[in-house]
Amino acid sequence: MMDFLKLENIGEVIAERVLKRPVDGGEPQDVVVRLGRPQPDMDHDAYFCPFEILGIGPRKVRCAFGVDAFQSLQLVLRMISVELHCSRRDAAPGMYFLEPGDDLGFPEEAD
């Protein structure tokens, strides 16, 4: 049985993006996506890349694992994209990056 990594914070932030989400006709609120530096996980001979999304639901640090730092970055960007697009459909309709109606700056995964 594999032990899951429990992270309290993302460590060193290497990138941040601020999205906006409309709330009940008022001023849009910030949705902040923070990406942490990929780090080695010596217990599993792998790398993990942490991230968090603030402004939608409770704060929770998540991560993606890869065989090296590069793959962990590739996979975490996919995870963030899925999380944001699901939130856009459910919890944060109308969420946008630069202007209302635009994309989120993260490609939507094809089925």
PDB file of N, CA and C in Angstrom:
ATOM      1  N   MET A   1       0.849  -1.190   0.000  1.00  0.00           N
ATOM      2  CA  MET A   1       0.000   0.000   0.000  1.00  0.00           C
ATOM      3  C   MET A   1       0.886   1.243   0.000  1.00  0.00           C
ATOM      4  N   MET A   2       0.611   2.163  -0.915  1.00  0.00           N
ATOM      5  CA  MET A   2       1.423   3.367  -1.039  1.00  0.00           C
ATOM      6  C   MET A   2       0.946   4.429  -0.057  1.00  0.00           C
ATOM      7  N   ASP A   3       1.890   5.036   0.673  1.00  0.00           N
ATOM      8  CA  ASP A   3       1.569   6.155   1.552  1.00  0.00           C
ATOM      9  C   ASP A   3       1.446   7.409   0.709  1.00  0.00           C
ATOM     10  N   PHE A   4       0.384   8.156   0.919  1.00  0.00           N
ATOM     11  CA  PHE A   4       0.206   9.394   0.170  1.00  0.00           C
ATOM     12  C   PHE A   4       0.910  10.533   0.871  1.00  0.00           C
ATOM     13  N   LEU A   5       1.453  11.412   0.092  1.00  0.00           N
ATOM     14  CA  LEU A   5       2.157  12.581   0.588  1.00  0.00           C
ATOM     15  C   LEU A   5       1.133  13.592   1.083  1.00  0.00           C
ATOM     16  N   LYS A   6       1.285  14.026   2.332  1.00  0.00           N
ATOM     17  CA  LYS A   6       0.378  15.028   2.893  1.00  0.00           C
ATOM     18  C   LYS A   6       1.154  16.328   3.021  1.00  0.00           C
ATOM     19  N   LEU A   7       0.752  17.316   2.246  1.00  0.00           N
ATOM     20  CA  LEU A   7       1.458  18.591   2.217  1.00  0.00           C
ATOM     21  C   LEU A   7       0.657  19.660   2.947  1.00  0.00           C
ATOM     22  N   GLU A   8       1.344  20.440   3.764  1.00  0.00           N
ATOM     23  CA  GLU A   8       0.726  21.566   4.463  1.00  0.00           C
ATOM     24  C   GLU A   8       0.804  22.839   3.620  1.00  0.00           C
ATOM     25  N   ASN A   9       1.878  22.971   2.821  1.00  0.00           N
ATOM     26  CA  ASN A   9       2.038  24.147   1.965  1.00  0.00           C
ATOM     27  C   ASN A   9       2.787  23.728   0.708  1.00  0.00           C
ATOM     28  N   ILE A  10       2.860  24.629  -0.258  1.00  0.00           N
ATOM     29  CA  ILE A  10       3.485  24.264  -1.527  1.00  0.00           C
ATOM     30  C   ILE A  10       4.973  24.584  -1.573  1.00  0.00           C
ATOM     31  N   GLY A  11       5.500  25.166  -0.519  1.00  0.00           N
ATOM     32  CA  GLY A  11       6.918  25.505  -0.518  1.00  0.00           C
ATOM     33  C   GLY A  11       7.190  26.707  -1.405  1.00  0.00           C
ATOM     34  N   GLU A  12       8.308  26.688  -2.110  1.00  0.00           N
ATOM     35  CA  GLU A  12       8.696  27.805  -2.966  1.00  0.00           C
ATOM     36  C   GLU A  12       7.736  27.938  -4.148  1.00  0.00           C
ATOM     37  N   VAL A  13       7.120  29.104  -4.274  1.00  0.00           N
ATOM     38  CA  VAL A  13       6.197  29.377  -5.382  1.00  0.00           C
ATOM     39  C   VAL A  13       7.016  29.766  -6.612  1.00  0.00           C
ATOM     40  N   ILE A  14       6.812  29.033  -7.711  1.00  0.00           N
ATOM     41  CA  ILE A  14       7.547  29.350  -8.944  1.00  0.00           C
ATOM     42  C   ILE A  14       6.673  30.049  -9.973  1.00  0.00           C
ATOM     43  N   ALA A  15       5.349  29.999  -9.784  1.00  0.00           N
ATOM     44  CA  ALA A  15       4.445  30.681 -10.710  1.00  0.00           C
ATOM     45  C   ALA A  15       3.111  30.906 -10.018  1.00  0.00           C
ATOM     46  N   GLU A  16       2.461  31.991 -10.411  1.00  0.00           N
ATOM     47  CA  GLU A  16       1.150  32.317  -9.850  1.00  0.00           C
ATOM     48  C   GLU A  16       0.309  32.965 -10.930  1.00  0.00           C
ATOM     49  N   ARG A  17      -0.952  32.613 -10.985  1.00  0.00           N
ATOM     50  CA  ARG A  17      -1.887  33.236 -11.924  1.00  0.00           C
ATOM     51  C   ARG A  17      -3.133  33.622 -11.138  1.00  0.00           C
ATOM     52  N   VAL A  18      -3.637  34.824 -11.420  1.00  0.00           N
ATOM     53  CA  VAL A  18      -4.863  35.285 -10.773  1.00  0.00           C
ATOM     54  C   VAL A  18      -5.975  35.294 -11.815  1.00  0.00           C
ATOM     55  N   LEU A  19      -6.997  34.510 -11.539  1.00  0.00           N
ATOM     56  CA  LEU A  19      -8.205  34.470 -12.357  1.00  0.00           C
ATOM     57  C   LEU A  19      -9.279  35.275 -11.629  1.00  0.00           C
ATOM     58  N   LYS A  20     -10.365  35.547 -12.297  1.00  0.00           N
ATOM     59  CA  LYS A  20     -11.495  36.258 -11.697  1.00  0.00           C
ATOM     60  C   LYS A  20     -12.741  35.401 -11.819  1.00  0.00           C
ATOM     61  N   ARG A  21     -13.600  35.512 -10.806  1.00  0.00           N
ATOM     62  CA  ARG A  21     -14.889  34.839 -10.889  1.00  0.00           C
ATOM     63  C   ARG A  21     -15.979  35.774 -10.415  1.00  0.00           C
ATOM     64  N   PRO A  22     -17.032  35.901 -11.226  1.00  0.00           N
ATOM     65  CA  PRO A  22     -18.154  36.765 -10.838  1.00  0.00           C
ATOM     66  C   PRO A  22     -18.874  36.174  -9.627  1.00  0.00           C
ATOM     67  N   VAL A  23     -19.328  37.055  -8.745  1.00  0.00           N
ATOM     68  CA  VAL A  23     -20.059  36.595  -7.567  1.00  0.00           C
ATOM     69  C   VAL A  23     -21.313  37.448  -7.398  1.00  0.00           C
ATOM     70  N   ASP A  24     -22.460  36.859  -7.639  1.00  0.00           N
ATOM     71  CA  ASP A  24     -23.764  37.500  -7.424  1.00  0.00           C
ATOM     72  C   ASP A  24     -23.855  38.922  -7.962  1.00  0.00           C
ATOM     73  N   GLY A  25     -23.353  39.160  -9.160  1.00  0.00           N
ATOM     74  CA  GLY A  25     -23.465  40.464  -9.785  1.00  0.00           C
ATOM     75  C   GLY A  25     -22.565  41.545  -9.210  1.00  0.00           C
ATOM     76  N   GLY A  26     -21.773  41.220  -8.199  1.00  0.00           N
ATOM     77  CA  GLY A  26     -20.869  42.205  -7.607  1.00  0.00           C
ATOM     78  C   GLY A  26     -19.511  42.185  -8.273  1.00  0.00           C
ATOM     79  N   GLU A  27     -18.557  42.786  -7.614  1.00  0.00           N
ATOM     80  CA  GLU A  27     -17.182  42.796  -8.115  1.00  0.00           C
ATOM     81  C   GLU A  27     -16.645  41.365  -8.192  1.00  0.00           C
ATOM     82  N   PRO A  28     -15.917  41.042  -9.250  1.00  0.00           N
ATOM     83  CA  PRO A  28     -15.336  39.702  -9.359  1.00  0.00           C
ATOM     84  C   PRO A  28     -14.344  39.444  -8.218  1.00  0.00           C
ATOM     85  N   GLN A  29     -14.311  38.210  -7.769  1.00  0.00           N
ATOM     86  CA  GLN A  29     -13.365  37.808  -6.735  1.00  0.00           C
ATOM     87  C   GLN A  29     -12.183  37.095  -7.375  1.00  0.00           C
ATOM     88  N   ASP A  30     -11.035  37.183  -6.708  1.00  0.00           N
ATOM     89  CA  ASP A  30      -9.828  36.527  -7.197  1.00  0.00           C
ATOM     90  C   ASP A  30      -9.865  35.028  -6.944  1.00  0.00           C
ATOM     91  N   VAL A  31      -9.375  34.294  -7.914  1.00  0.00           N
ATOM     92  CA  VAL A  31      -9.072  32.876  -7.778  1.00  0.00           C
ATOM     93  C   VAL A  31      -7.582  32.775  -8.093  1.00  0.00           C
ATOM     94  N   VAL A  32      -6.791  32.382  -7.102  1.00  0.00           N
ATOM     95  CA  VAL A  32      -5.337  32.384  -7.243  1.00  0.00           C
ATOM     96  C   VAL A  32      -4.836  30.956  -7.395  1.00  0.00           C
ATOM     97  N   VAL A  33      -4.084  30.729  -8.471  1.00  0.00           N
ATOM     98  CA  VAL A  33      -3.465  29.428  -8.719  1.00  0.00           C
ATOM     99  C   VAL A  33      -1.972  29.597  -8.454  1.00  0.00           C
ATOM    100  N   ARG A  34      -1.450  28.799  -7.526  1.00  0.00           N
ATOM    101  CA  ARG A  34      -0.023  28.854  -7.194  1.00  0.00           C
ATOM    102  C   ARG A  34       0.612  27.502  -7.479  1.00  0.00           C
ATOM    103  N   LEU A  35       1.764  27.577  -8.118  1.00  0.00           N
ATOM    104  CA  LEU A  35       2.517  26.386  -8.487  1.00  0.00           C
ATOM    105  C   LEU A  35       3.825  26.374  -7.711  1.00  0.00           C
ATOM    106  N   GLY A  36       4.109  25.251  -7.067  1.00  0.00           N
ATOM    107  CA  GLY A  36       5.352  25.115  -6.315  1.00  0.00           C
ATOM    108  C   GLY A  36       6.457  24.485  -7.150  1.00  0.00           C
ATOM    109  N   ARG A  37       7.665  24.590  -6.653  1.00  0.00           N
ATOM    110  CA  ARG A  37       8.838  24.013  -7.322  1.00  0.00           C
ATOM    111  C   ARG A  37       8.777  22.488  -7.233  1.00  0.00           C
ATOM    112  N   PRO A  38       9.051  21.784  -8.334  1.00  0.00           N
ATOM    113  CA  PRO A  38       9.132  20.319  -8.269  1.00  0.00           C
ATOM    114  C   PRO A  38      10.205  19.898  -7.258  1.00  0.00           C
ATOM    115  N   GLN A  39       9.910  18.834  -6.530  1.00  0.00           N
ATOM    116  CA  GLN A  39      10.813  18.363  -5.481  1.00  0.00           C
ATOM    117  C   GLN A  39      10.945  16.849  -5.543  1.00  0.00           C
ATOM    118  N   PRO A  40      12.097  16.348  -5.158  1.00  0.00           N
ATOM    119  CA  PRO A  40      12.252  14.896  -5.148  1.00  0.00           C
ATOM    120  C   PRO A  40      11.491  14.274  -3.977  1.00  0.00           C
ATOM    121  N   ASP A  41      10.948  13.107  -4.207  1.00  0.00           N
ATOM    122  CA  ASP A  41      10.322  12.301  -3.154  1.00  0.00           C
ATOM    123  C   ASP A  41      11.174  11.049  -3.016  1.00  0.00           C
ATOM    124  N   MET A  42      12.089  11.083  -2.080  1.00  0.00           N
ATOM    125  CA  MET A  42      13.055   9.996  -1.920  1.00  0.00           C
ATOM    126  C   MET A  42      12.393   8.665  -1.555  1.00  0.00           C
ATOM    127  N   ASP A  43      11.229   8.720  -0.899  1.00  0.00           N
ATOM    128  CA  ASP A  43      10.549   7.484  -0.498  1.00  0.00           C
ATOM    129  C   ASP A  43      10.023   6.693  -1.691  1.00  0.00           C
ATOM    130  N   HIS A  44       9.765   7.384  -2.799  1.00  0.00           N
ATOM    131  CA  HIS A  44       9.153   6.711  -3.943  1.00  0.00           C
ATOM    132  C   HIS A  44       9.987   6.835  -5.223  1.00  0.00           C
ATOM    133  N   ASP A  45      11.209   7.321  -5.113  1.00  0.00           N
ATOM    134  CA  ASP A  45      12.096   7.467  -6.269  1.00  0.00           C
ATOM    135  C   ASP A  45      11.374   8.202  -7.402  1.00  0.00           C
ATOM    136  N   ALA A  46      10.801   9.346  -7.059  1.00  0.00           N
ATOM    137  CA  ALA A  46      10.020  10.131  -8.007  1.00  0.00           C
ATOM    138  C   ALA A  46      10.156  11.611  -7.647  1.00  0.00           C
ATOM    139  N   TYR A  47       9.494  12.455  -8.413  1.00  0.00           N
ATOM    140  CA  TYR A  47       9.392  13.881  -8.116  1.00  0.00           C
ATOM    141  C   TYR A  47       7.926  14.238  -7.975  1.00  0.00           C
ATOM    142  N   PHE A  48       7.650  15.269  -7.180  1.00  0.00           N
ATOM    143  CA  PHE A  48       6.295  15.779  -7.093  1.00  0.00           C
ATOM    144  C   PHE A  48       6.316  17.290  -7.284  1.00  0.00           C
ATOM    145  N   CYS A  49       5.222  17.807  -7.821  1.00  0.00           N
ATOM    146  CA  CYS A  49       5.080  19.243  -8.045  1.00  0.00           C
ATOM    147  C   CYS A  49       3.778  19.678  -7.370  1.00  0.00           C
ATOM    148  N   PRO A  50       3.864  20.489  -6.305  1.00  0.00           N
ATOM    149  CA  PRO A  50       2.668  20.898  -5.573  1.00  0.00           C
ATOM    150  C   PRO A  50       1.984  22.117  -6.195  1.00  0.00           C
ATOM    151  N   PHE A  51       0.695  22.243  -5.906  1.00  0.00           N
ATOM    152  CA  PHE A  51      -0.073  23.411  -6.323  1.00  0.00           C
ATOM    153  C   PHE A  51      -1.229  23.631  -5.371  1.00  0.00           C
ATOM    154  N   GLU A  52      -1.776  24.842  -5.415  1.00  0.00           N
ATOM    155  CA  GLU A  52      -2.993  25.137  -4.680  1.00  0.00           C
ATOM    156  C   GLU A  52      -3.815  26.130  -5.476  1.00  0.00           C
ATOM    157  N   ILE A  53      -5.133  26.040  -5.292  1.00  0.00           N
ATOM    158  CA  ILE A  53      -6.062  26.973  -5.906  1.00  0.00           C
ATOM    159  C   ILE A  53      -6.846  27.605  -4.772  1.00  0.00           C
ATOM    160  N   LEU A  54      -6.726  28.914  -4.640  1.00  0.00           N
ATOM    161  CA  LEU A  54      -7.396  29.649  -3.577  1.00  0.00           C
ATOM    162  C   LEU A  54      -8.545  30.464  -4.160  1.00  0.00           C
ATOM    163  N   GLY A  55      -9.668  30.483  -3.465  1.00  0.00           N
ATOM    164  CA  GLY A  55     -10.803  31.284  -3.911  1.00  0.00           C
ATOM    165  C   GLY A  55     -11.977  30.465  -4.405  1.00  0.00           C
ATOM    166  N   ILE A  56     -11.786  29.151  -4.461  1.00  0.00           N
ATOM    167  CA  ILE A  56     -12.871  28.217  -4.797  1.00  0.00           C
ATOM    168  C   ILE A  56     -12.782  27.070  -3.800  1.00  0.00           C
ATOM    169  N   GLY A  57     -13.731  26.984  -2.921  1.00  0.00           N
ATOM    170  CA  GLY A  57     -13.731  25.899  -1.945  1.00  0.00           C
ATOM    171  C   GLY A  57     -12.630  26.047  -0.906  1.00  0.00           C
ATOM    172  N   PRO A  58     -12.478  25.034  -0.059  1.00  0.00           N
ATOM    173  CA  PRO A  58     -11.475  25.101   1.004  1.00  0.00           C
ATOM    174  C   PRO A  58     -10.047  25.003   0.461  1.00  0.00           C
ATOM    175  N   ARG A  59      -9.106  25.603   1.172  1.00  0.00           N
ATOM    176  CA  ARG A  59      -7.702  25.546   0.776  1.00  0.00           C
ATOM    177  C   ARG A  59      -7.209  24.108   0.921  1.00  0.00           C
ATOM    178  N   LYS A  60      -6.580  23.627  -0.128  1.00  0.00           N
ATOM    179  CA  LYS A  60      -6.040  22.274  -0.114  1.00  0.00           C
ATOM    180  C   LYS A  60      -4.831  22.229  -1.035  1.00  0.00           C
ATOM    181  N   VAL A  61      -3.724  21.711  -0.519  1.00  0.00           N
ATOM    182  CA  VAL A  61      -2.521  21.554  -1.332  1.00  0.00           C
ATOM    183  C   VAL A  61      -2.571  20.180  -1.991  1.00  0.00           C
ATOM    184  N   ARG A  62      -2.367  20.167  -3.305  1.00  0.00           N
ATOM    185  CA  ARG A  62      -2.353  18.921  -4.068  1.00  0.00           C
ATOM    186  C   ARG A  62      -1.030  18.838  -4.812  1.00  0.00           C
ATOM    187  N   CYS A  63      -0.759  17.695  -5.405  1.00  0.00           N
ATOM    188  CA  CYS A  63       0.471  17.580  -6.180  1.00  0.00           C
ATOM    189  C   CYS A  63       0.332  16.488  -7.238  1.00  0.00           C
ATOM    190  N   ALA A  64       1.231  16.548  -8.200  1.00  0.00           N
ATOM    191  CA  ALA A  64       1.331  15.517  -9.228  1.00  0.00           C
ATOM    192  C   ALA A  64       2.713  14.898  -9.124  1.00  0.00           C
ATOM    193  N   PHE A  65       2.778  13.607  -9.337  1.00  0.00           N
ATOM    194  CA  PHE A  65       4.039  12.877  -9.299  1.00  0.00           C
ATOM    195  C   PHE A  65       4.490  12.540 -10.711  1.00  0.00           C
ATOM    196  N   GLY A  66       5.797  12.507 -10.911  1.00  0.00           N
ATOM    197  CA  GLY A  66       6.366  12.109 -12.189  1.00  0.00           C
ATOM    198  C   GLY A  66       7.687  11.399 -11.972  1.00  0.00           C
ATOM    199  N   VAL A  67       8.195  10.792 -13.008  1.00  0.00           N
ATOM    200  CA  VAL A  67       9.467  10.083 -12.895  1.00  0.00           C
ATOM    201  C   VAL A  67      10.639  11.052 -12.761  1.00  0.00           C
ATOM    202  N   ASP A  68      10.431  12.301 -13.215  1.00  0.00           N
ATOM    203  CA  ASP A  68      11.438  13.342 -13.035  1.00  0.00           C
ATOM    204  C   ASP A  68      10.703  14.672 -12.828  1.00  0.00           C
ATOM    205  N   ALA A  69      11.459  15.723 -12.561  1.00  0.00           N
ATOM    206  CA  ALA A  69      10.857  17.033 -12.291  1.00  0.00           C
ATOM    207  C   ALA A  69      10.040  17.525 -13.478  1.00  0.00           C
ATOM    208  N   PHE A  70      10.537  17.286 -14.684  1.00  0.00           N
ATOM    209  CA  PHE A  70       9.851  17.755 -15.886  1.00  0.00           C
ATOM    210  C   PHE A  70       8.480  17.100 -16.020  1.00  0.00           C
ATOM    211  N   GLN A  71       8.412  15.793 -15.839  1.00  0.00           N
ATOM    212  CA  GLN A  71       7.113  15.114 -15.961  1.00  0.00           C
ATOM    213  C   GLN A  71       6.153  15.566 -14.863  1.00  0.00           C
ATOM    214  N   SER A  72       6.662  15.801 -13.659  1.00  0.00           N
ATOM    215  CA  SER A  72       5.772  16.268 -12.593  1.00  0.00           C
ATOM    216  C   SER A  72       5.178  17.629 -12.954  1.00  0.00           C
ATOM    217  N   LEU A  73       5.954  18.492 -13.625  1.00  0.00           N
ATOM    218  CA  LEU A  73       5.430  19.779 -14.095  1.00  0.00           C
ATOM    219  C   LEU A  73       4.373  19.586 -15.177  1.00  0.00           C
ATOM    220  N   GLN A  74       4.636  18.708 -16.129  1.00  0.00           N
ATOM    221  CA  GLN A  74       3.666  18.445 -17.189  1.00  0.00           C
ATOM    222  C   GLN A  74       2.338  17.958 -16.611  1.00  0.00           C
ATOM    223  N   LEU A  75       2.434  17.027 -15.676  1.00  0.00           N
ATOM    224  CA  LEU A  75       1.218  16.436 -15.112  1.00  0.00           C
ATOM    225  C   LEU A  75       0.473  17.401 -14.202  1.00  0.00           C
ATOM    226  N   VAL A  76       1.203  18.228 -13.457  1.00  0.00           N
ATOM    227  CA  VAL A  76       0.516  19.163 -12.562  1.00  0.00           C
ATOM    228  C   VAL A  76      -0.248  20.213 -13.371  1.00  0.00           C
ATOM    229  N   LEU A  77       0.280  20.631 -14.512  1.00  0.00           N
ATOM    230  CA  LEU A  77      -0.445  21.590 -15.344  1.00  0.00           C
ATOM    231  C   LEU A  77      -1.746  20.989 -15.873  1.00  0.00           C
ATOM    232  N   ARG A  78      -1.730  19.709 -16.178  1.00  0.00           N
ATOM    233  CA  ARG A  78      -2.965  19.025 -16.592  1.00  0.00           C
ATOM    234  C   ARG A  78      -3.961  18.959 -15.436  1.00  0.00           C
ATOM    235  N   MET A  79      -3.454  18.649 -14.239  1.00  0.00           N
ATOM    236  CA  MET A  79      -4.338  18.579 -13.067  1.00  0.00           C
ATOM    237  C   MET A  79      -4.988  19.931 -12.798  1.00  0.00           C
ATOM    238  N   ILE A  80      -4.198  20.994 -12.860  1.00  0.00           N
ATOM    239  CA  ILE A  80      -4.735  22.333 -12.632  1.00  0.00           C
ATOM    240  C   ILE A  80      -5.803  22.648 -13.676  1.00  0.00           C
ATOM    241  N   SER A  81      -5.541  22.332 -14.928  1.00  0.00           N
ATOM    242  CA  SER A  81      -6.500  22.582 -15.992  1.00  0.00           C
ATOM    243  C   SER A  81      -7.823  21.872 -15.727  1.00  0.00           C
ATOM    244  N   VAL A  82      -7.756  20.607 -15.384  1.00  0.00           N
ATOM    245  CA  VAL A  82      -8.973  19.834 -15.110  1.00  0.00           C
ATOM    246  C   VAL A  82      -9.721  20.438 -13.927  1.00  0.00           C
ATOM    247  N   GLU A  83      -9.001  20.742 -12.865  1.00  0.00           N
ATOM    248  CA  GLU A  83      -9.625  21.324 -11.669  1.00  0.00           C
ATOM    249  C   GLU A  83     -10.335  22.642 -11.996  1.00  0.00           C
ATOM    250  N   LEU A  84      -9.666  23.511 -12.747  1.00  0.00           N
ATOM    251  CA  LEU A  84     -10.258  24.809 -13.073  1.00  0.00           C
ATOM    252  C   LEU A  84     -11.465  24.672 -13.991  1.00  0.00           C
ATOM    253  N   HIS A  85     -11.363  23.833 -15.004  1.00  0.00           N
ATOM    254  CA  HIS A  85     -12.482  23.691 -15.934  1.00  0.00           C
ATOM    255  C   HIS A  85     -13.680  23.023 -15.271  1.00  0.00           C
ATOM    256  N   CYS A  86     -13.446  22.094 -14.363  1.00  0.00           N
ATOM    257  CA  CYS A  86     -14.560  21.501 -13.604  1.00  0.00           C
ATOM    258  C   CYS A  86     -15.189  22.544 -12.690  1.00  0.00           C
ATOM    259  N   SER A  87     -14.363  23.349 -12.033  1.00  0.00           N
ATOM    260  CA  SER A  87     -14.883  24.410 -11.164  1.00  0.00           C
ATOM    261  C   SER A  87     -15.658  25.438 -11.969  1.00  0.00           C
ATOM    262  N   ARG A  88     -15.170  25.727 -13.170  1.00  0.00           N
ATOM    263  CA  ARG A  88     -15.850  26.701 -14.030  1.00  0.00           C
ATOM    264  C   ARG A  88     -17.244  26.218 -14.391  1.00  0.00           C
ATOM    265  N   ARG A  89     -17.392  24.922 -14.560  1.00  0.00           N
ATOM    266  CA  ARG A  89     -18.713  24.367 -14.892  1.00  0.00           C
ATOM    267  C   ARG A  89     -19.615  24.286 -13.664  1.00  0.00           C
ATOM    268  N   ASP A  90     -19.042  24.040 -12.490  1.00  0.00           N
ATOM    269  CA  ASP A  90     -19.847  23.765 -11.300  1.00  0.00           C
ATOM    270  C   ASP A  90     -19.863  24.926 -10.303  1.00  0.00           C
ATOM    271  N   ALA A  91     -18.736  25.171  -9.651  1.00  0.00           N
ATOM    272  CA  ALA A  91     -18.686  26.108  -8.526  1.00  0.00           C
ATOM    273  C   ALA A  91     -18.430  27.555  -8.928  1.00  0.00           C
ATOM    274  N   ALA A  92     -17.837  27.785 -10.080  1.00  0.00           N
ATOM    275  CA  ALA A  92     -17.458  29.151 -10.458  1.00  0.00           C
ATOM    276  C   ALA A  92     -17.767  29.450 -11.924  1.00  0.00           C
ATOM    277  N   PRO A  93     -19.053  29.379 -12.303  1.00  0.00           N
ATOM    278  CA  PRO A  93     -19.371  29.688 -13.695  1.00  0.00           C
ATOM    279  C   PRO A  93     -18.985  31.129 -14.014  1.00  0.00           C
ATOM    280  N   GLY A  94     -18.497  31.324 -15.222  1.00  0.00           N
ATOM    281  CA  GLY A  94     -18.111  32.667 -15.635  1.00  0.00           C
ATOM    282  C   GLY A  94     -16.689  33.040 -15.260  1.00  0.00           C
ATOM    283  N   MET A  95     -15.956  32.125 -14.637  1.00  0.00           N
ATOM    284  CA  MET A  95     -14.566  32.415 -14.264  1.00  0.00           C
ATOM    285  C   MET A  95     -13.760  32.691 -15.532  1.00  0.00           C
ATOM    286  N   TYR A  96     -12.828  33.645 -15.428  1.00  0.00           N
ATOM    287  CA  TYR A  96     -12.041  34.025 -16.597  1.00  0.00           C
ATOM    288  C   TYR A  96     -10.644  34.450 -16.185  1.00  0.00           C
ATOM    289  N   PHE A  97      -9.774  34.605 -17.196  1.00  0.00           N
ATOM    290  CA  PHE A  97      -8.387  35.009 -16.955  1.00  0.00           C
ATOM    291  C   PHE A  97      -8.236  36.523 -17.097  1.00  0.00           C
ATOM    292  N   LEU A  98      -8.269  37.045 -18.307  1.00  0.00           N
ATOM    293  CA  LEU A  98      -8.028  38.480 -18.518  1.00  0.00           C
ATOM    294  C   LEU A  98      -9.313  39.283 -18.689  1.00  0.00           C
ATOM    295  N   GLU A  99     -10.276  38.750 -19.438  1.00  0.00           N
ATOM    296  CA  GLU A  99     -11.535  39.441 -19.697  1.00  0.00           C
ATOM    297  C   GLU A  99     -12.687  38.445 -19.613  1.00  0.00           C
ATOM    298  N   PRO A 100     -13.866  38.898 -19.177  1.00  0.00           N
ATOM    299  CA  PRO A 100     -15.018  37.992 -19.150  1.00  0.00           C
ATOM    300  C   PRO A 100     -15.218  37.321 -20.506  1.00  0.00           C
ATOM    301  N   GLY A 101     -15.456  36.031 -20.468  1.00  0.00           N
ATOM    302  CA  GLY A 101     -15.697  35.268 -21.687  1.00  0.00           C
ATOM    303  C   GLY A 101     -14.467  34.629 -22.289  1.00  0.00           C
ATOM    304  N   ASP A 102     -13.268  35.014 -21.801  1.00  0.00           N
ATOM    305  CA  ASP A 102     -12.071  34.394 -22.377  1.00  0.00           C
ATOM    306  C   ASP A 102     -11.802  33.039 -21.726  1.00  0.00           C
ATOM    307  N   ASP A 103     -10.738  32.412 -22.168  1.00  0.00           N
ATOM    308  CA  ASP A 103     -10.400  31.116 -21.580  1.00  0.00           C
ATOM    309  C   ASP A 103      -9.679  31.340 -20.244  1.00  0.00           C
ATOM    310  N   LEU A 104      -9.238  30.303 -19.641  1.00  0.00           N
ATOM    311  CA  LEU A 104      -8.574  30.388 -18.351  1.00  0.00           C
ATOM    312  C   LEU A 104      -7.053  30.421 -18.466  1.00  0.00           C
ATOM    313  N   GLY A 105      -6.553  30.327 -19.706  1.00  0.00           N
ATOM    314  CA  GLY A 105      -5.108  30.273 -19.888  1.00  0.00           C
ATOM    315  C   GLY A 105      -4.567  28.878 -19.662  1.00  0.00           C
ATOM    316  N   PHE A 106      -5.450  27.923 -19.433  1.00  0.00           N
ATOM    317  CA  PHE A 106      -5.073  26.511 -19.295  1.00  0.00           C
ATOM    318  C   PHE A 106      -5.938  25.741 -20.298  1.00  0.00           C
ATOM    319  N   PRO A 107      -5.322  24.963 -21.177  1.00  0.00           N
ATOM    320  CA  PRO A 107      -6.109  24.263 -22.186  1.00  0.00           C
ATOM    321  C   PRO A 107      -7.056  23.257 -21.551  1.00  0.00           C
ATOM    322  N   GLU A 108      -8.239  23.152 -22.129  1.00  0.00           N
ATOM    323  CA  GLU A 108      -9.186  22.143 -21.663  1.00  0.00           C
ATOM    324  C   GLU A 108      -8.802  20.824 -22.296  1.00  0.00           C
ATOM    325  N   GLU A 109      -8.747  19.790 -21.497  1.00  0.00           N
ATOM    326  CA  GLU A 109      -8.354  18.474 -21.976  1.00  0.00           C
ATOM    327  C   GLU A 109      -9.431  17.908 -22.900  1.00  0.00           C
ATOM    328  N   ALA A 110      -9.003  17.320 -23.978  1.00  0.00           N
ATOM    329  CA  ALA A 110      -9.950  16.672 -24.902  1.00  0.00           C
ATOM    330  C   ALA A 110     -10.348  15.310 -24.357  1.00  0.00           C
ATOM    331  N   ASP A 111     -11.558  14.918 -24.654  1.00  0.00           N
ATOM    332  CA  ASP A 111     -12.045  13.597 -24.192  1.00  0.00           C
ATOM    333  C   ASP A 111     -11.436  12.495 -24.997  1.00  0.00           C
TER     334      ASP A 111
END
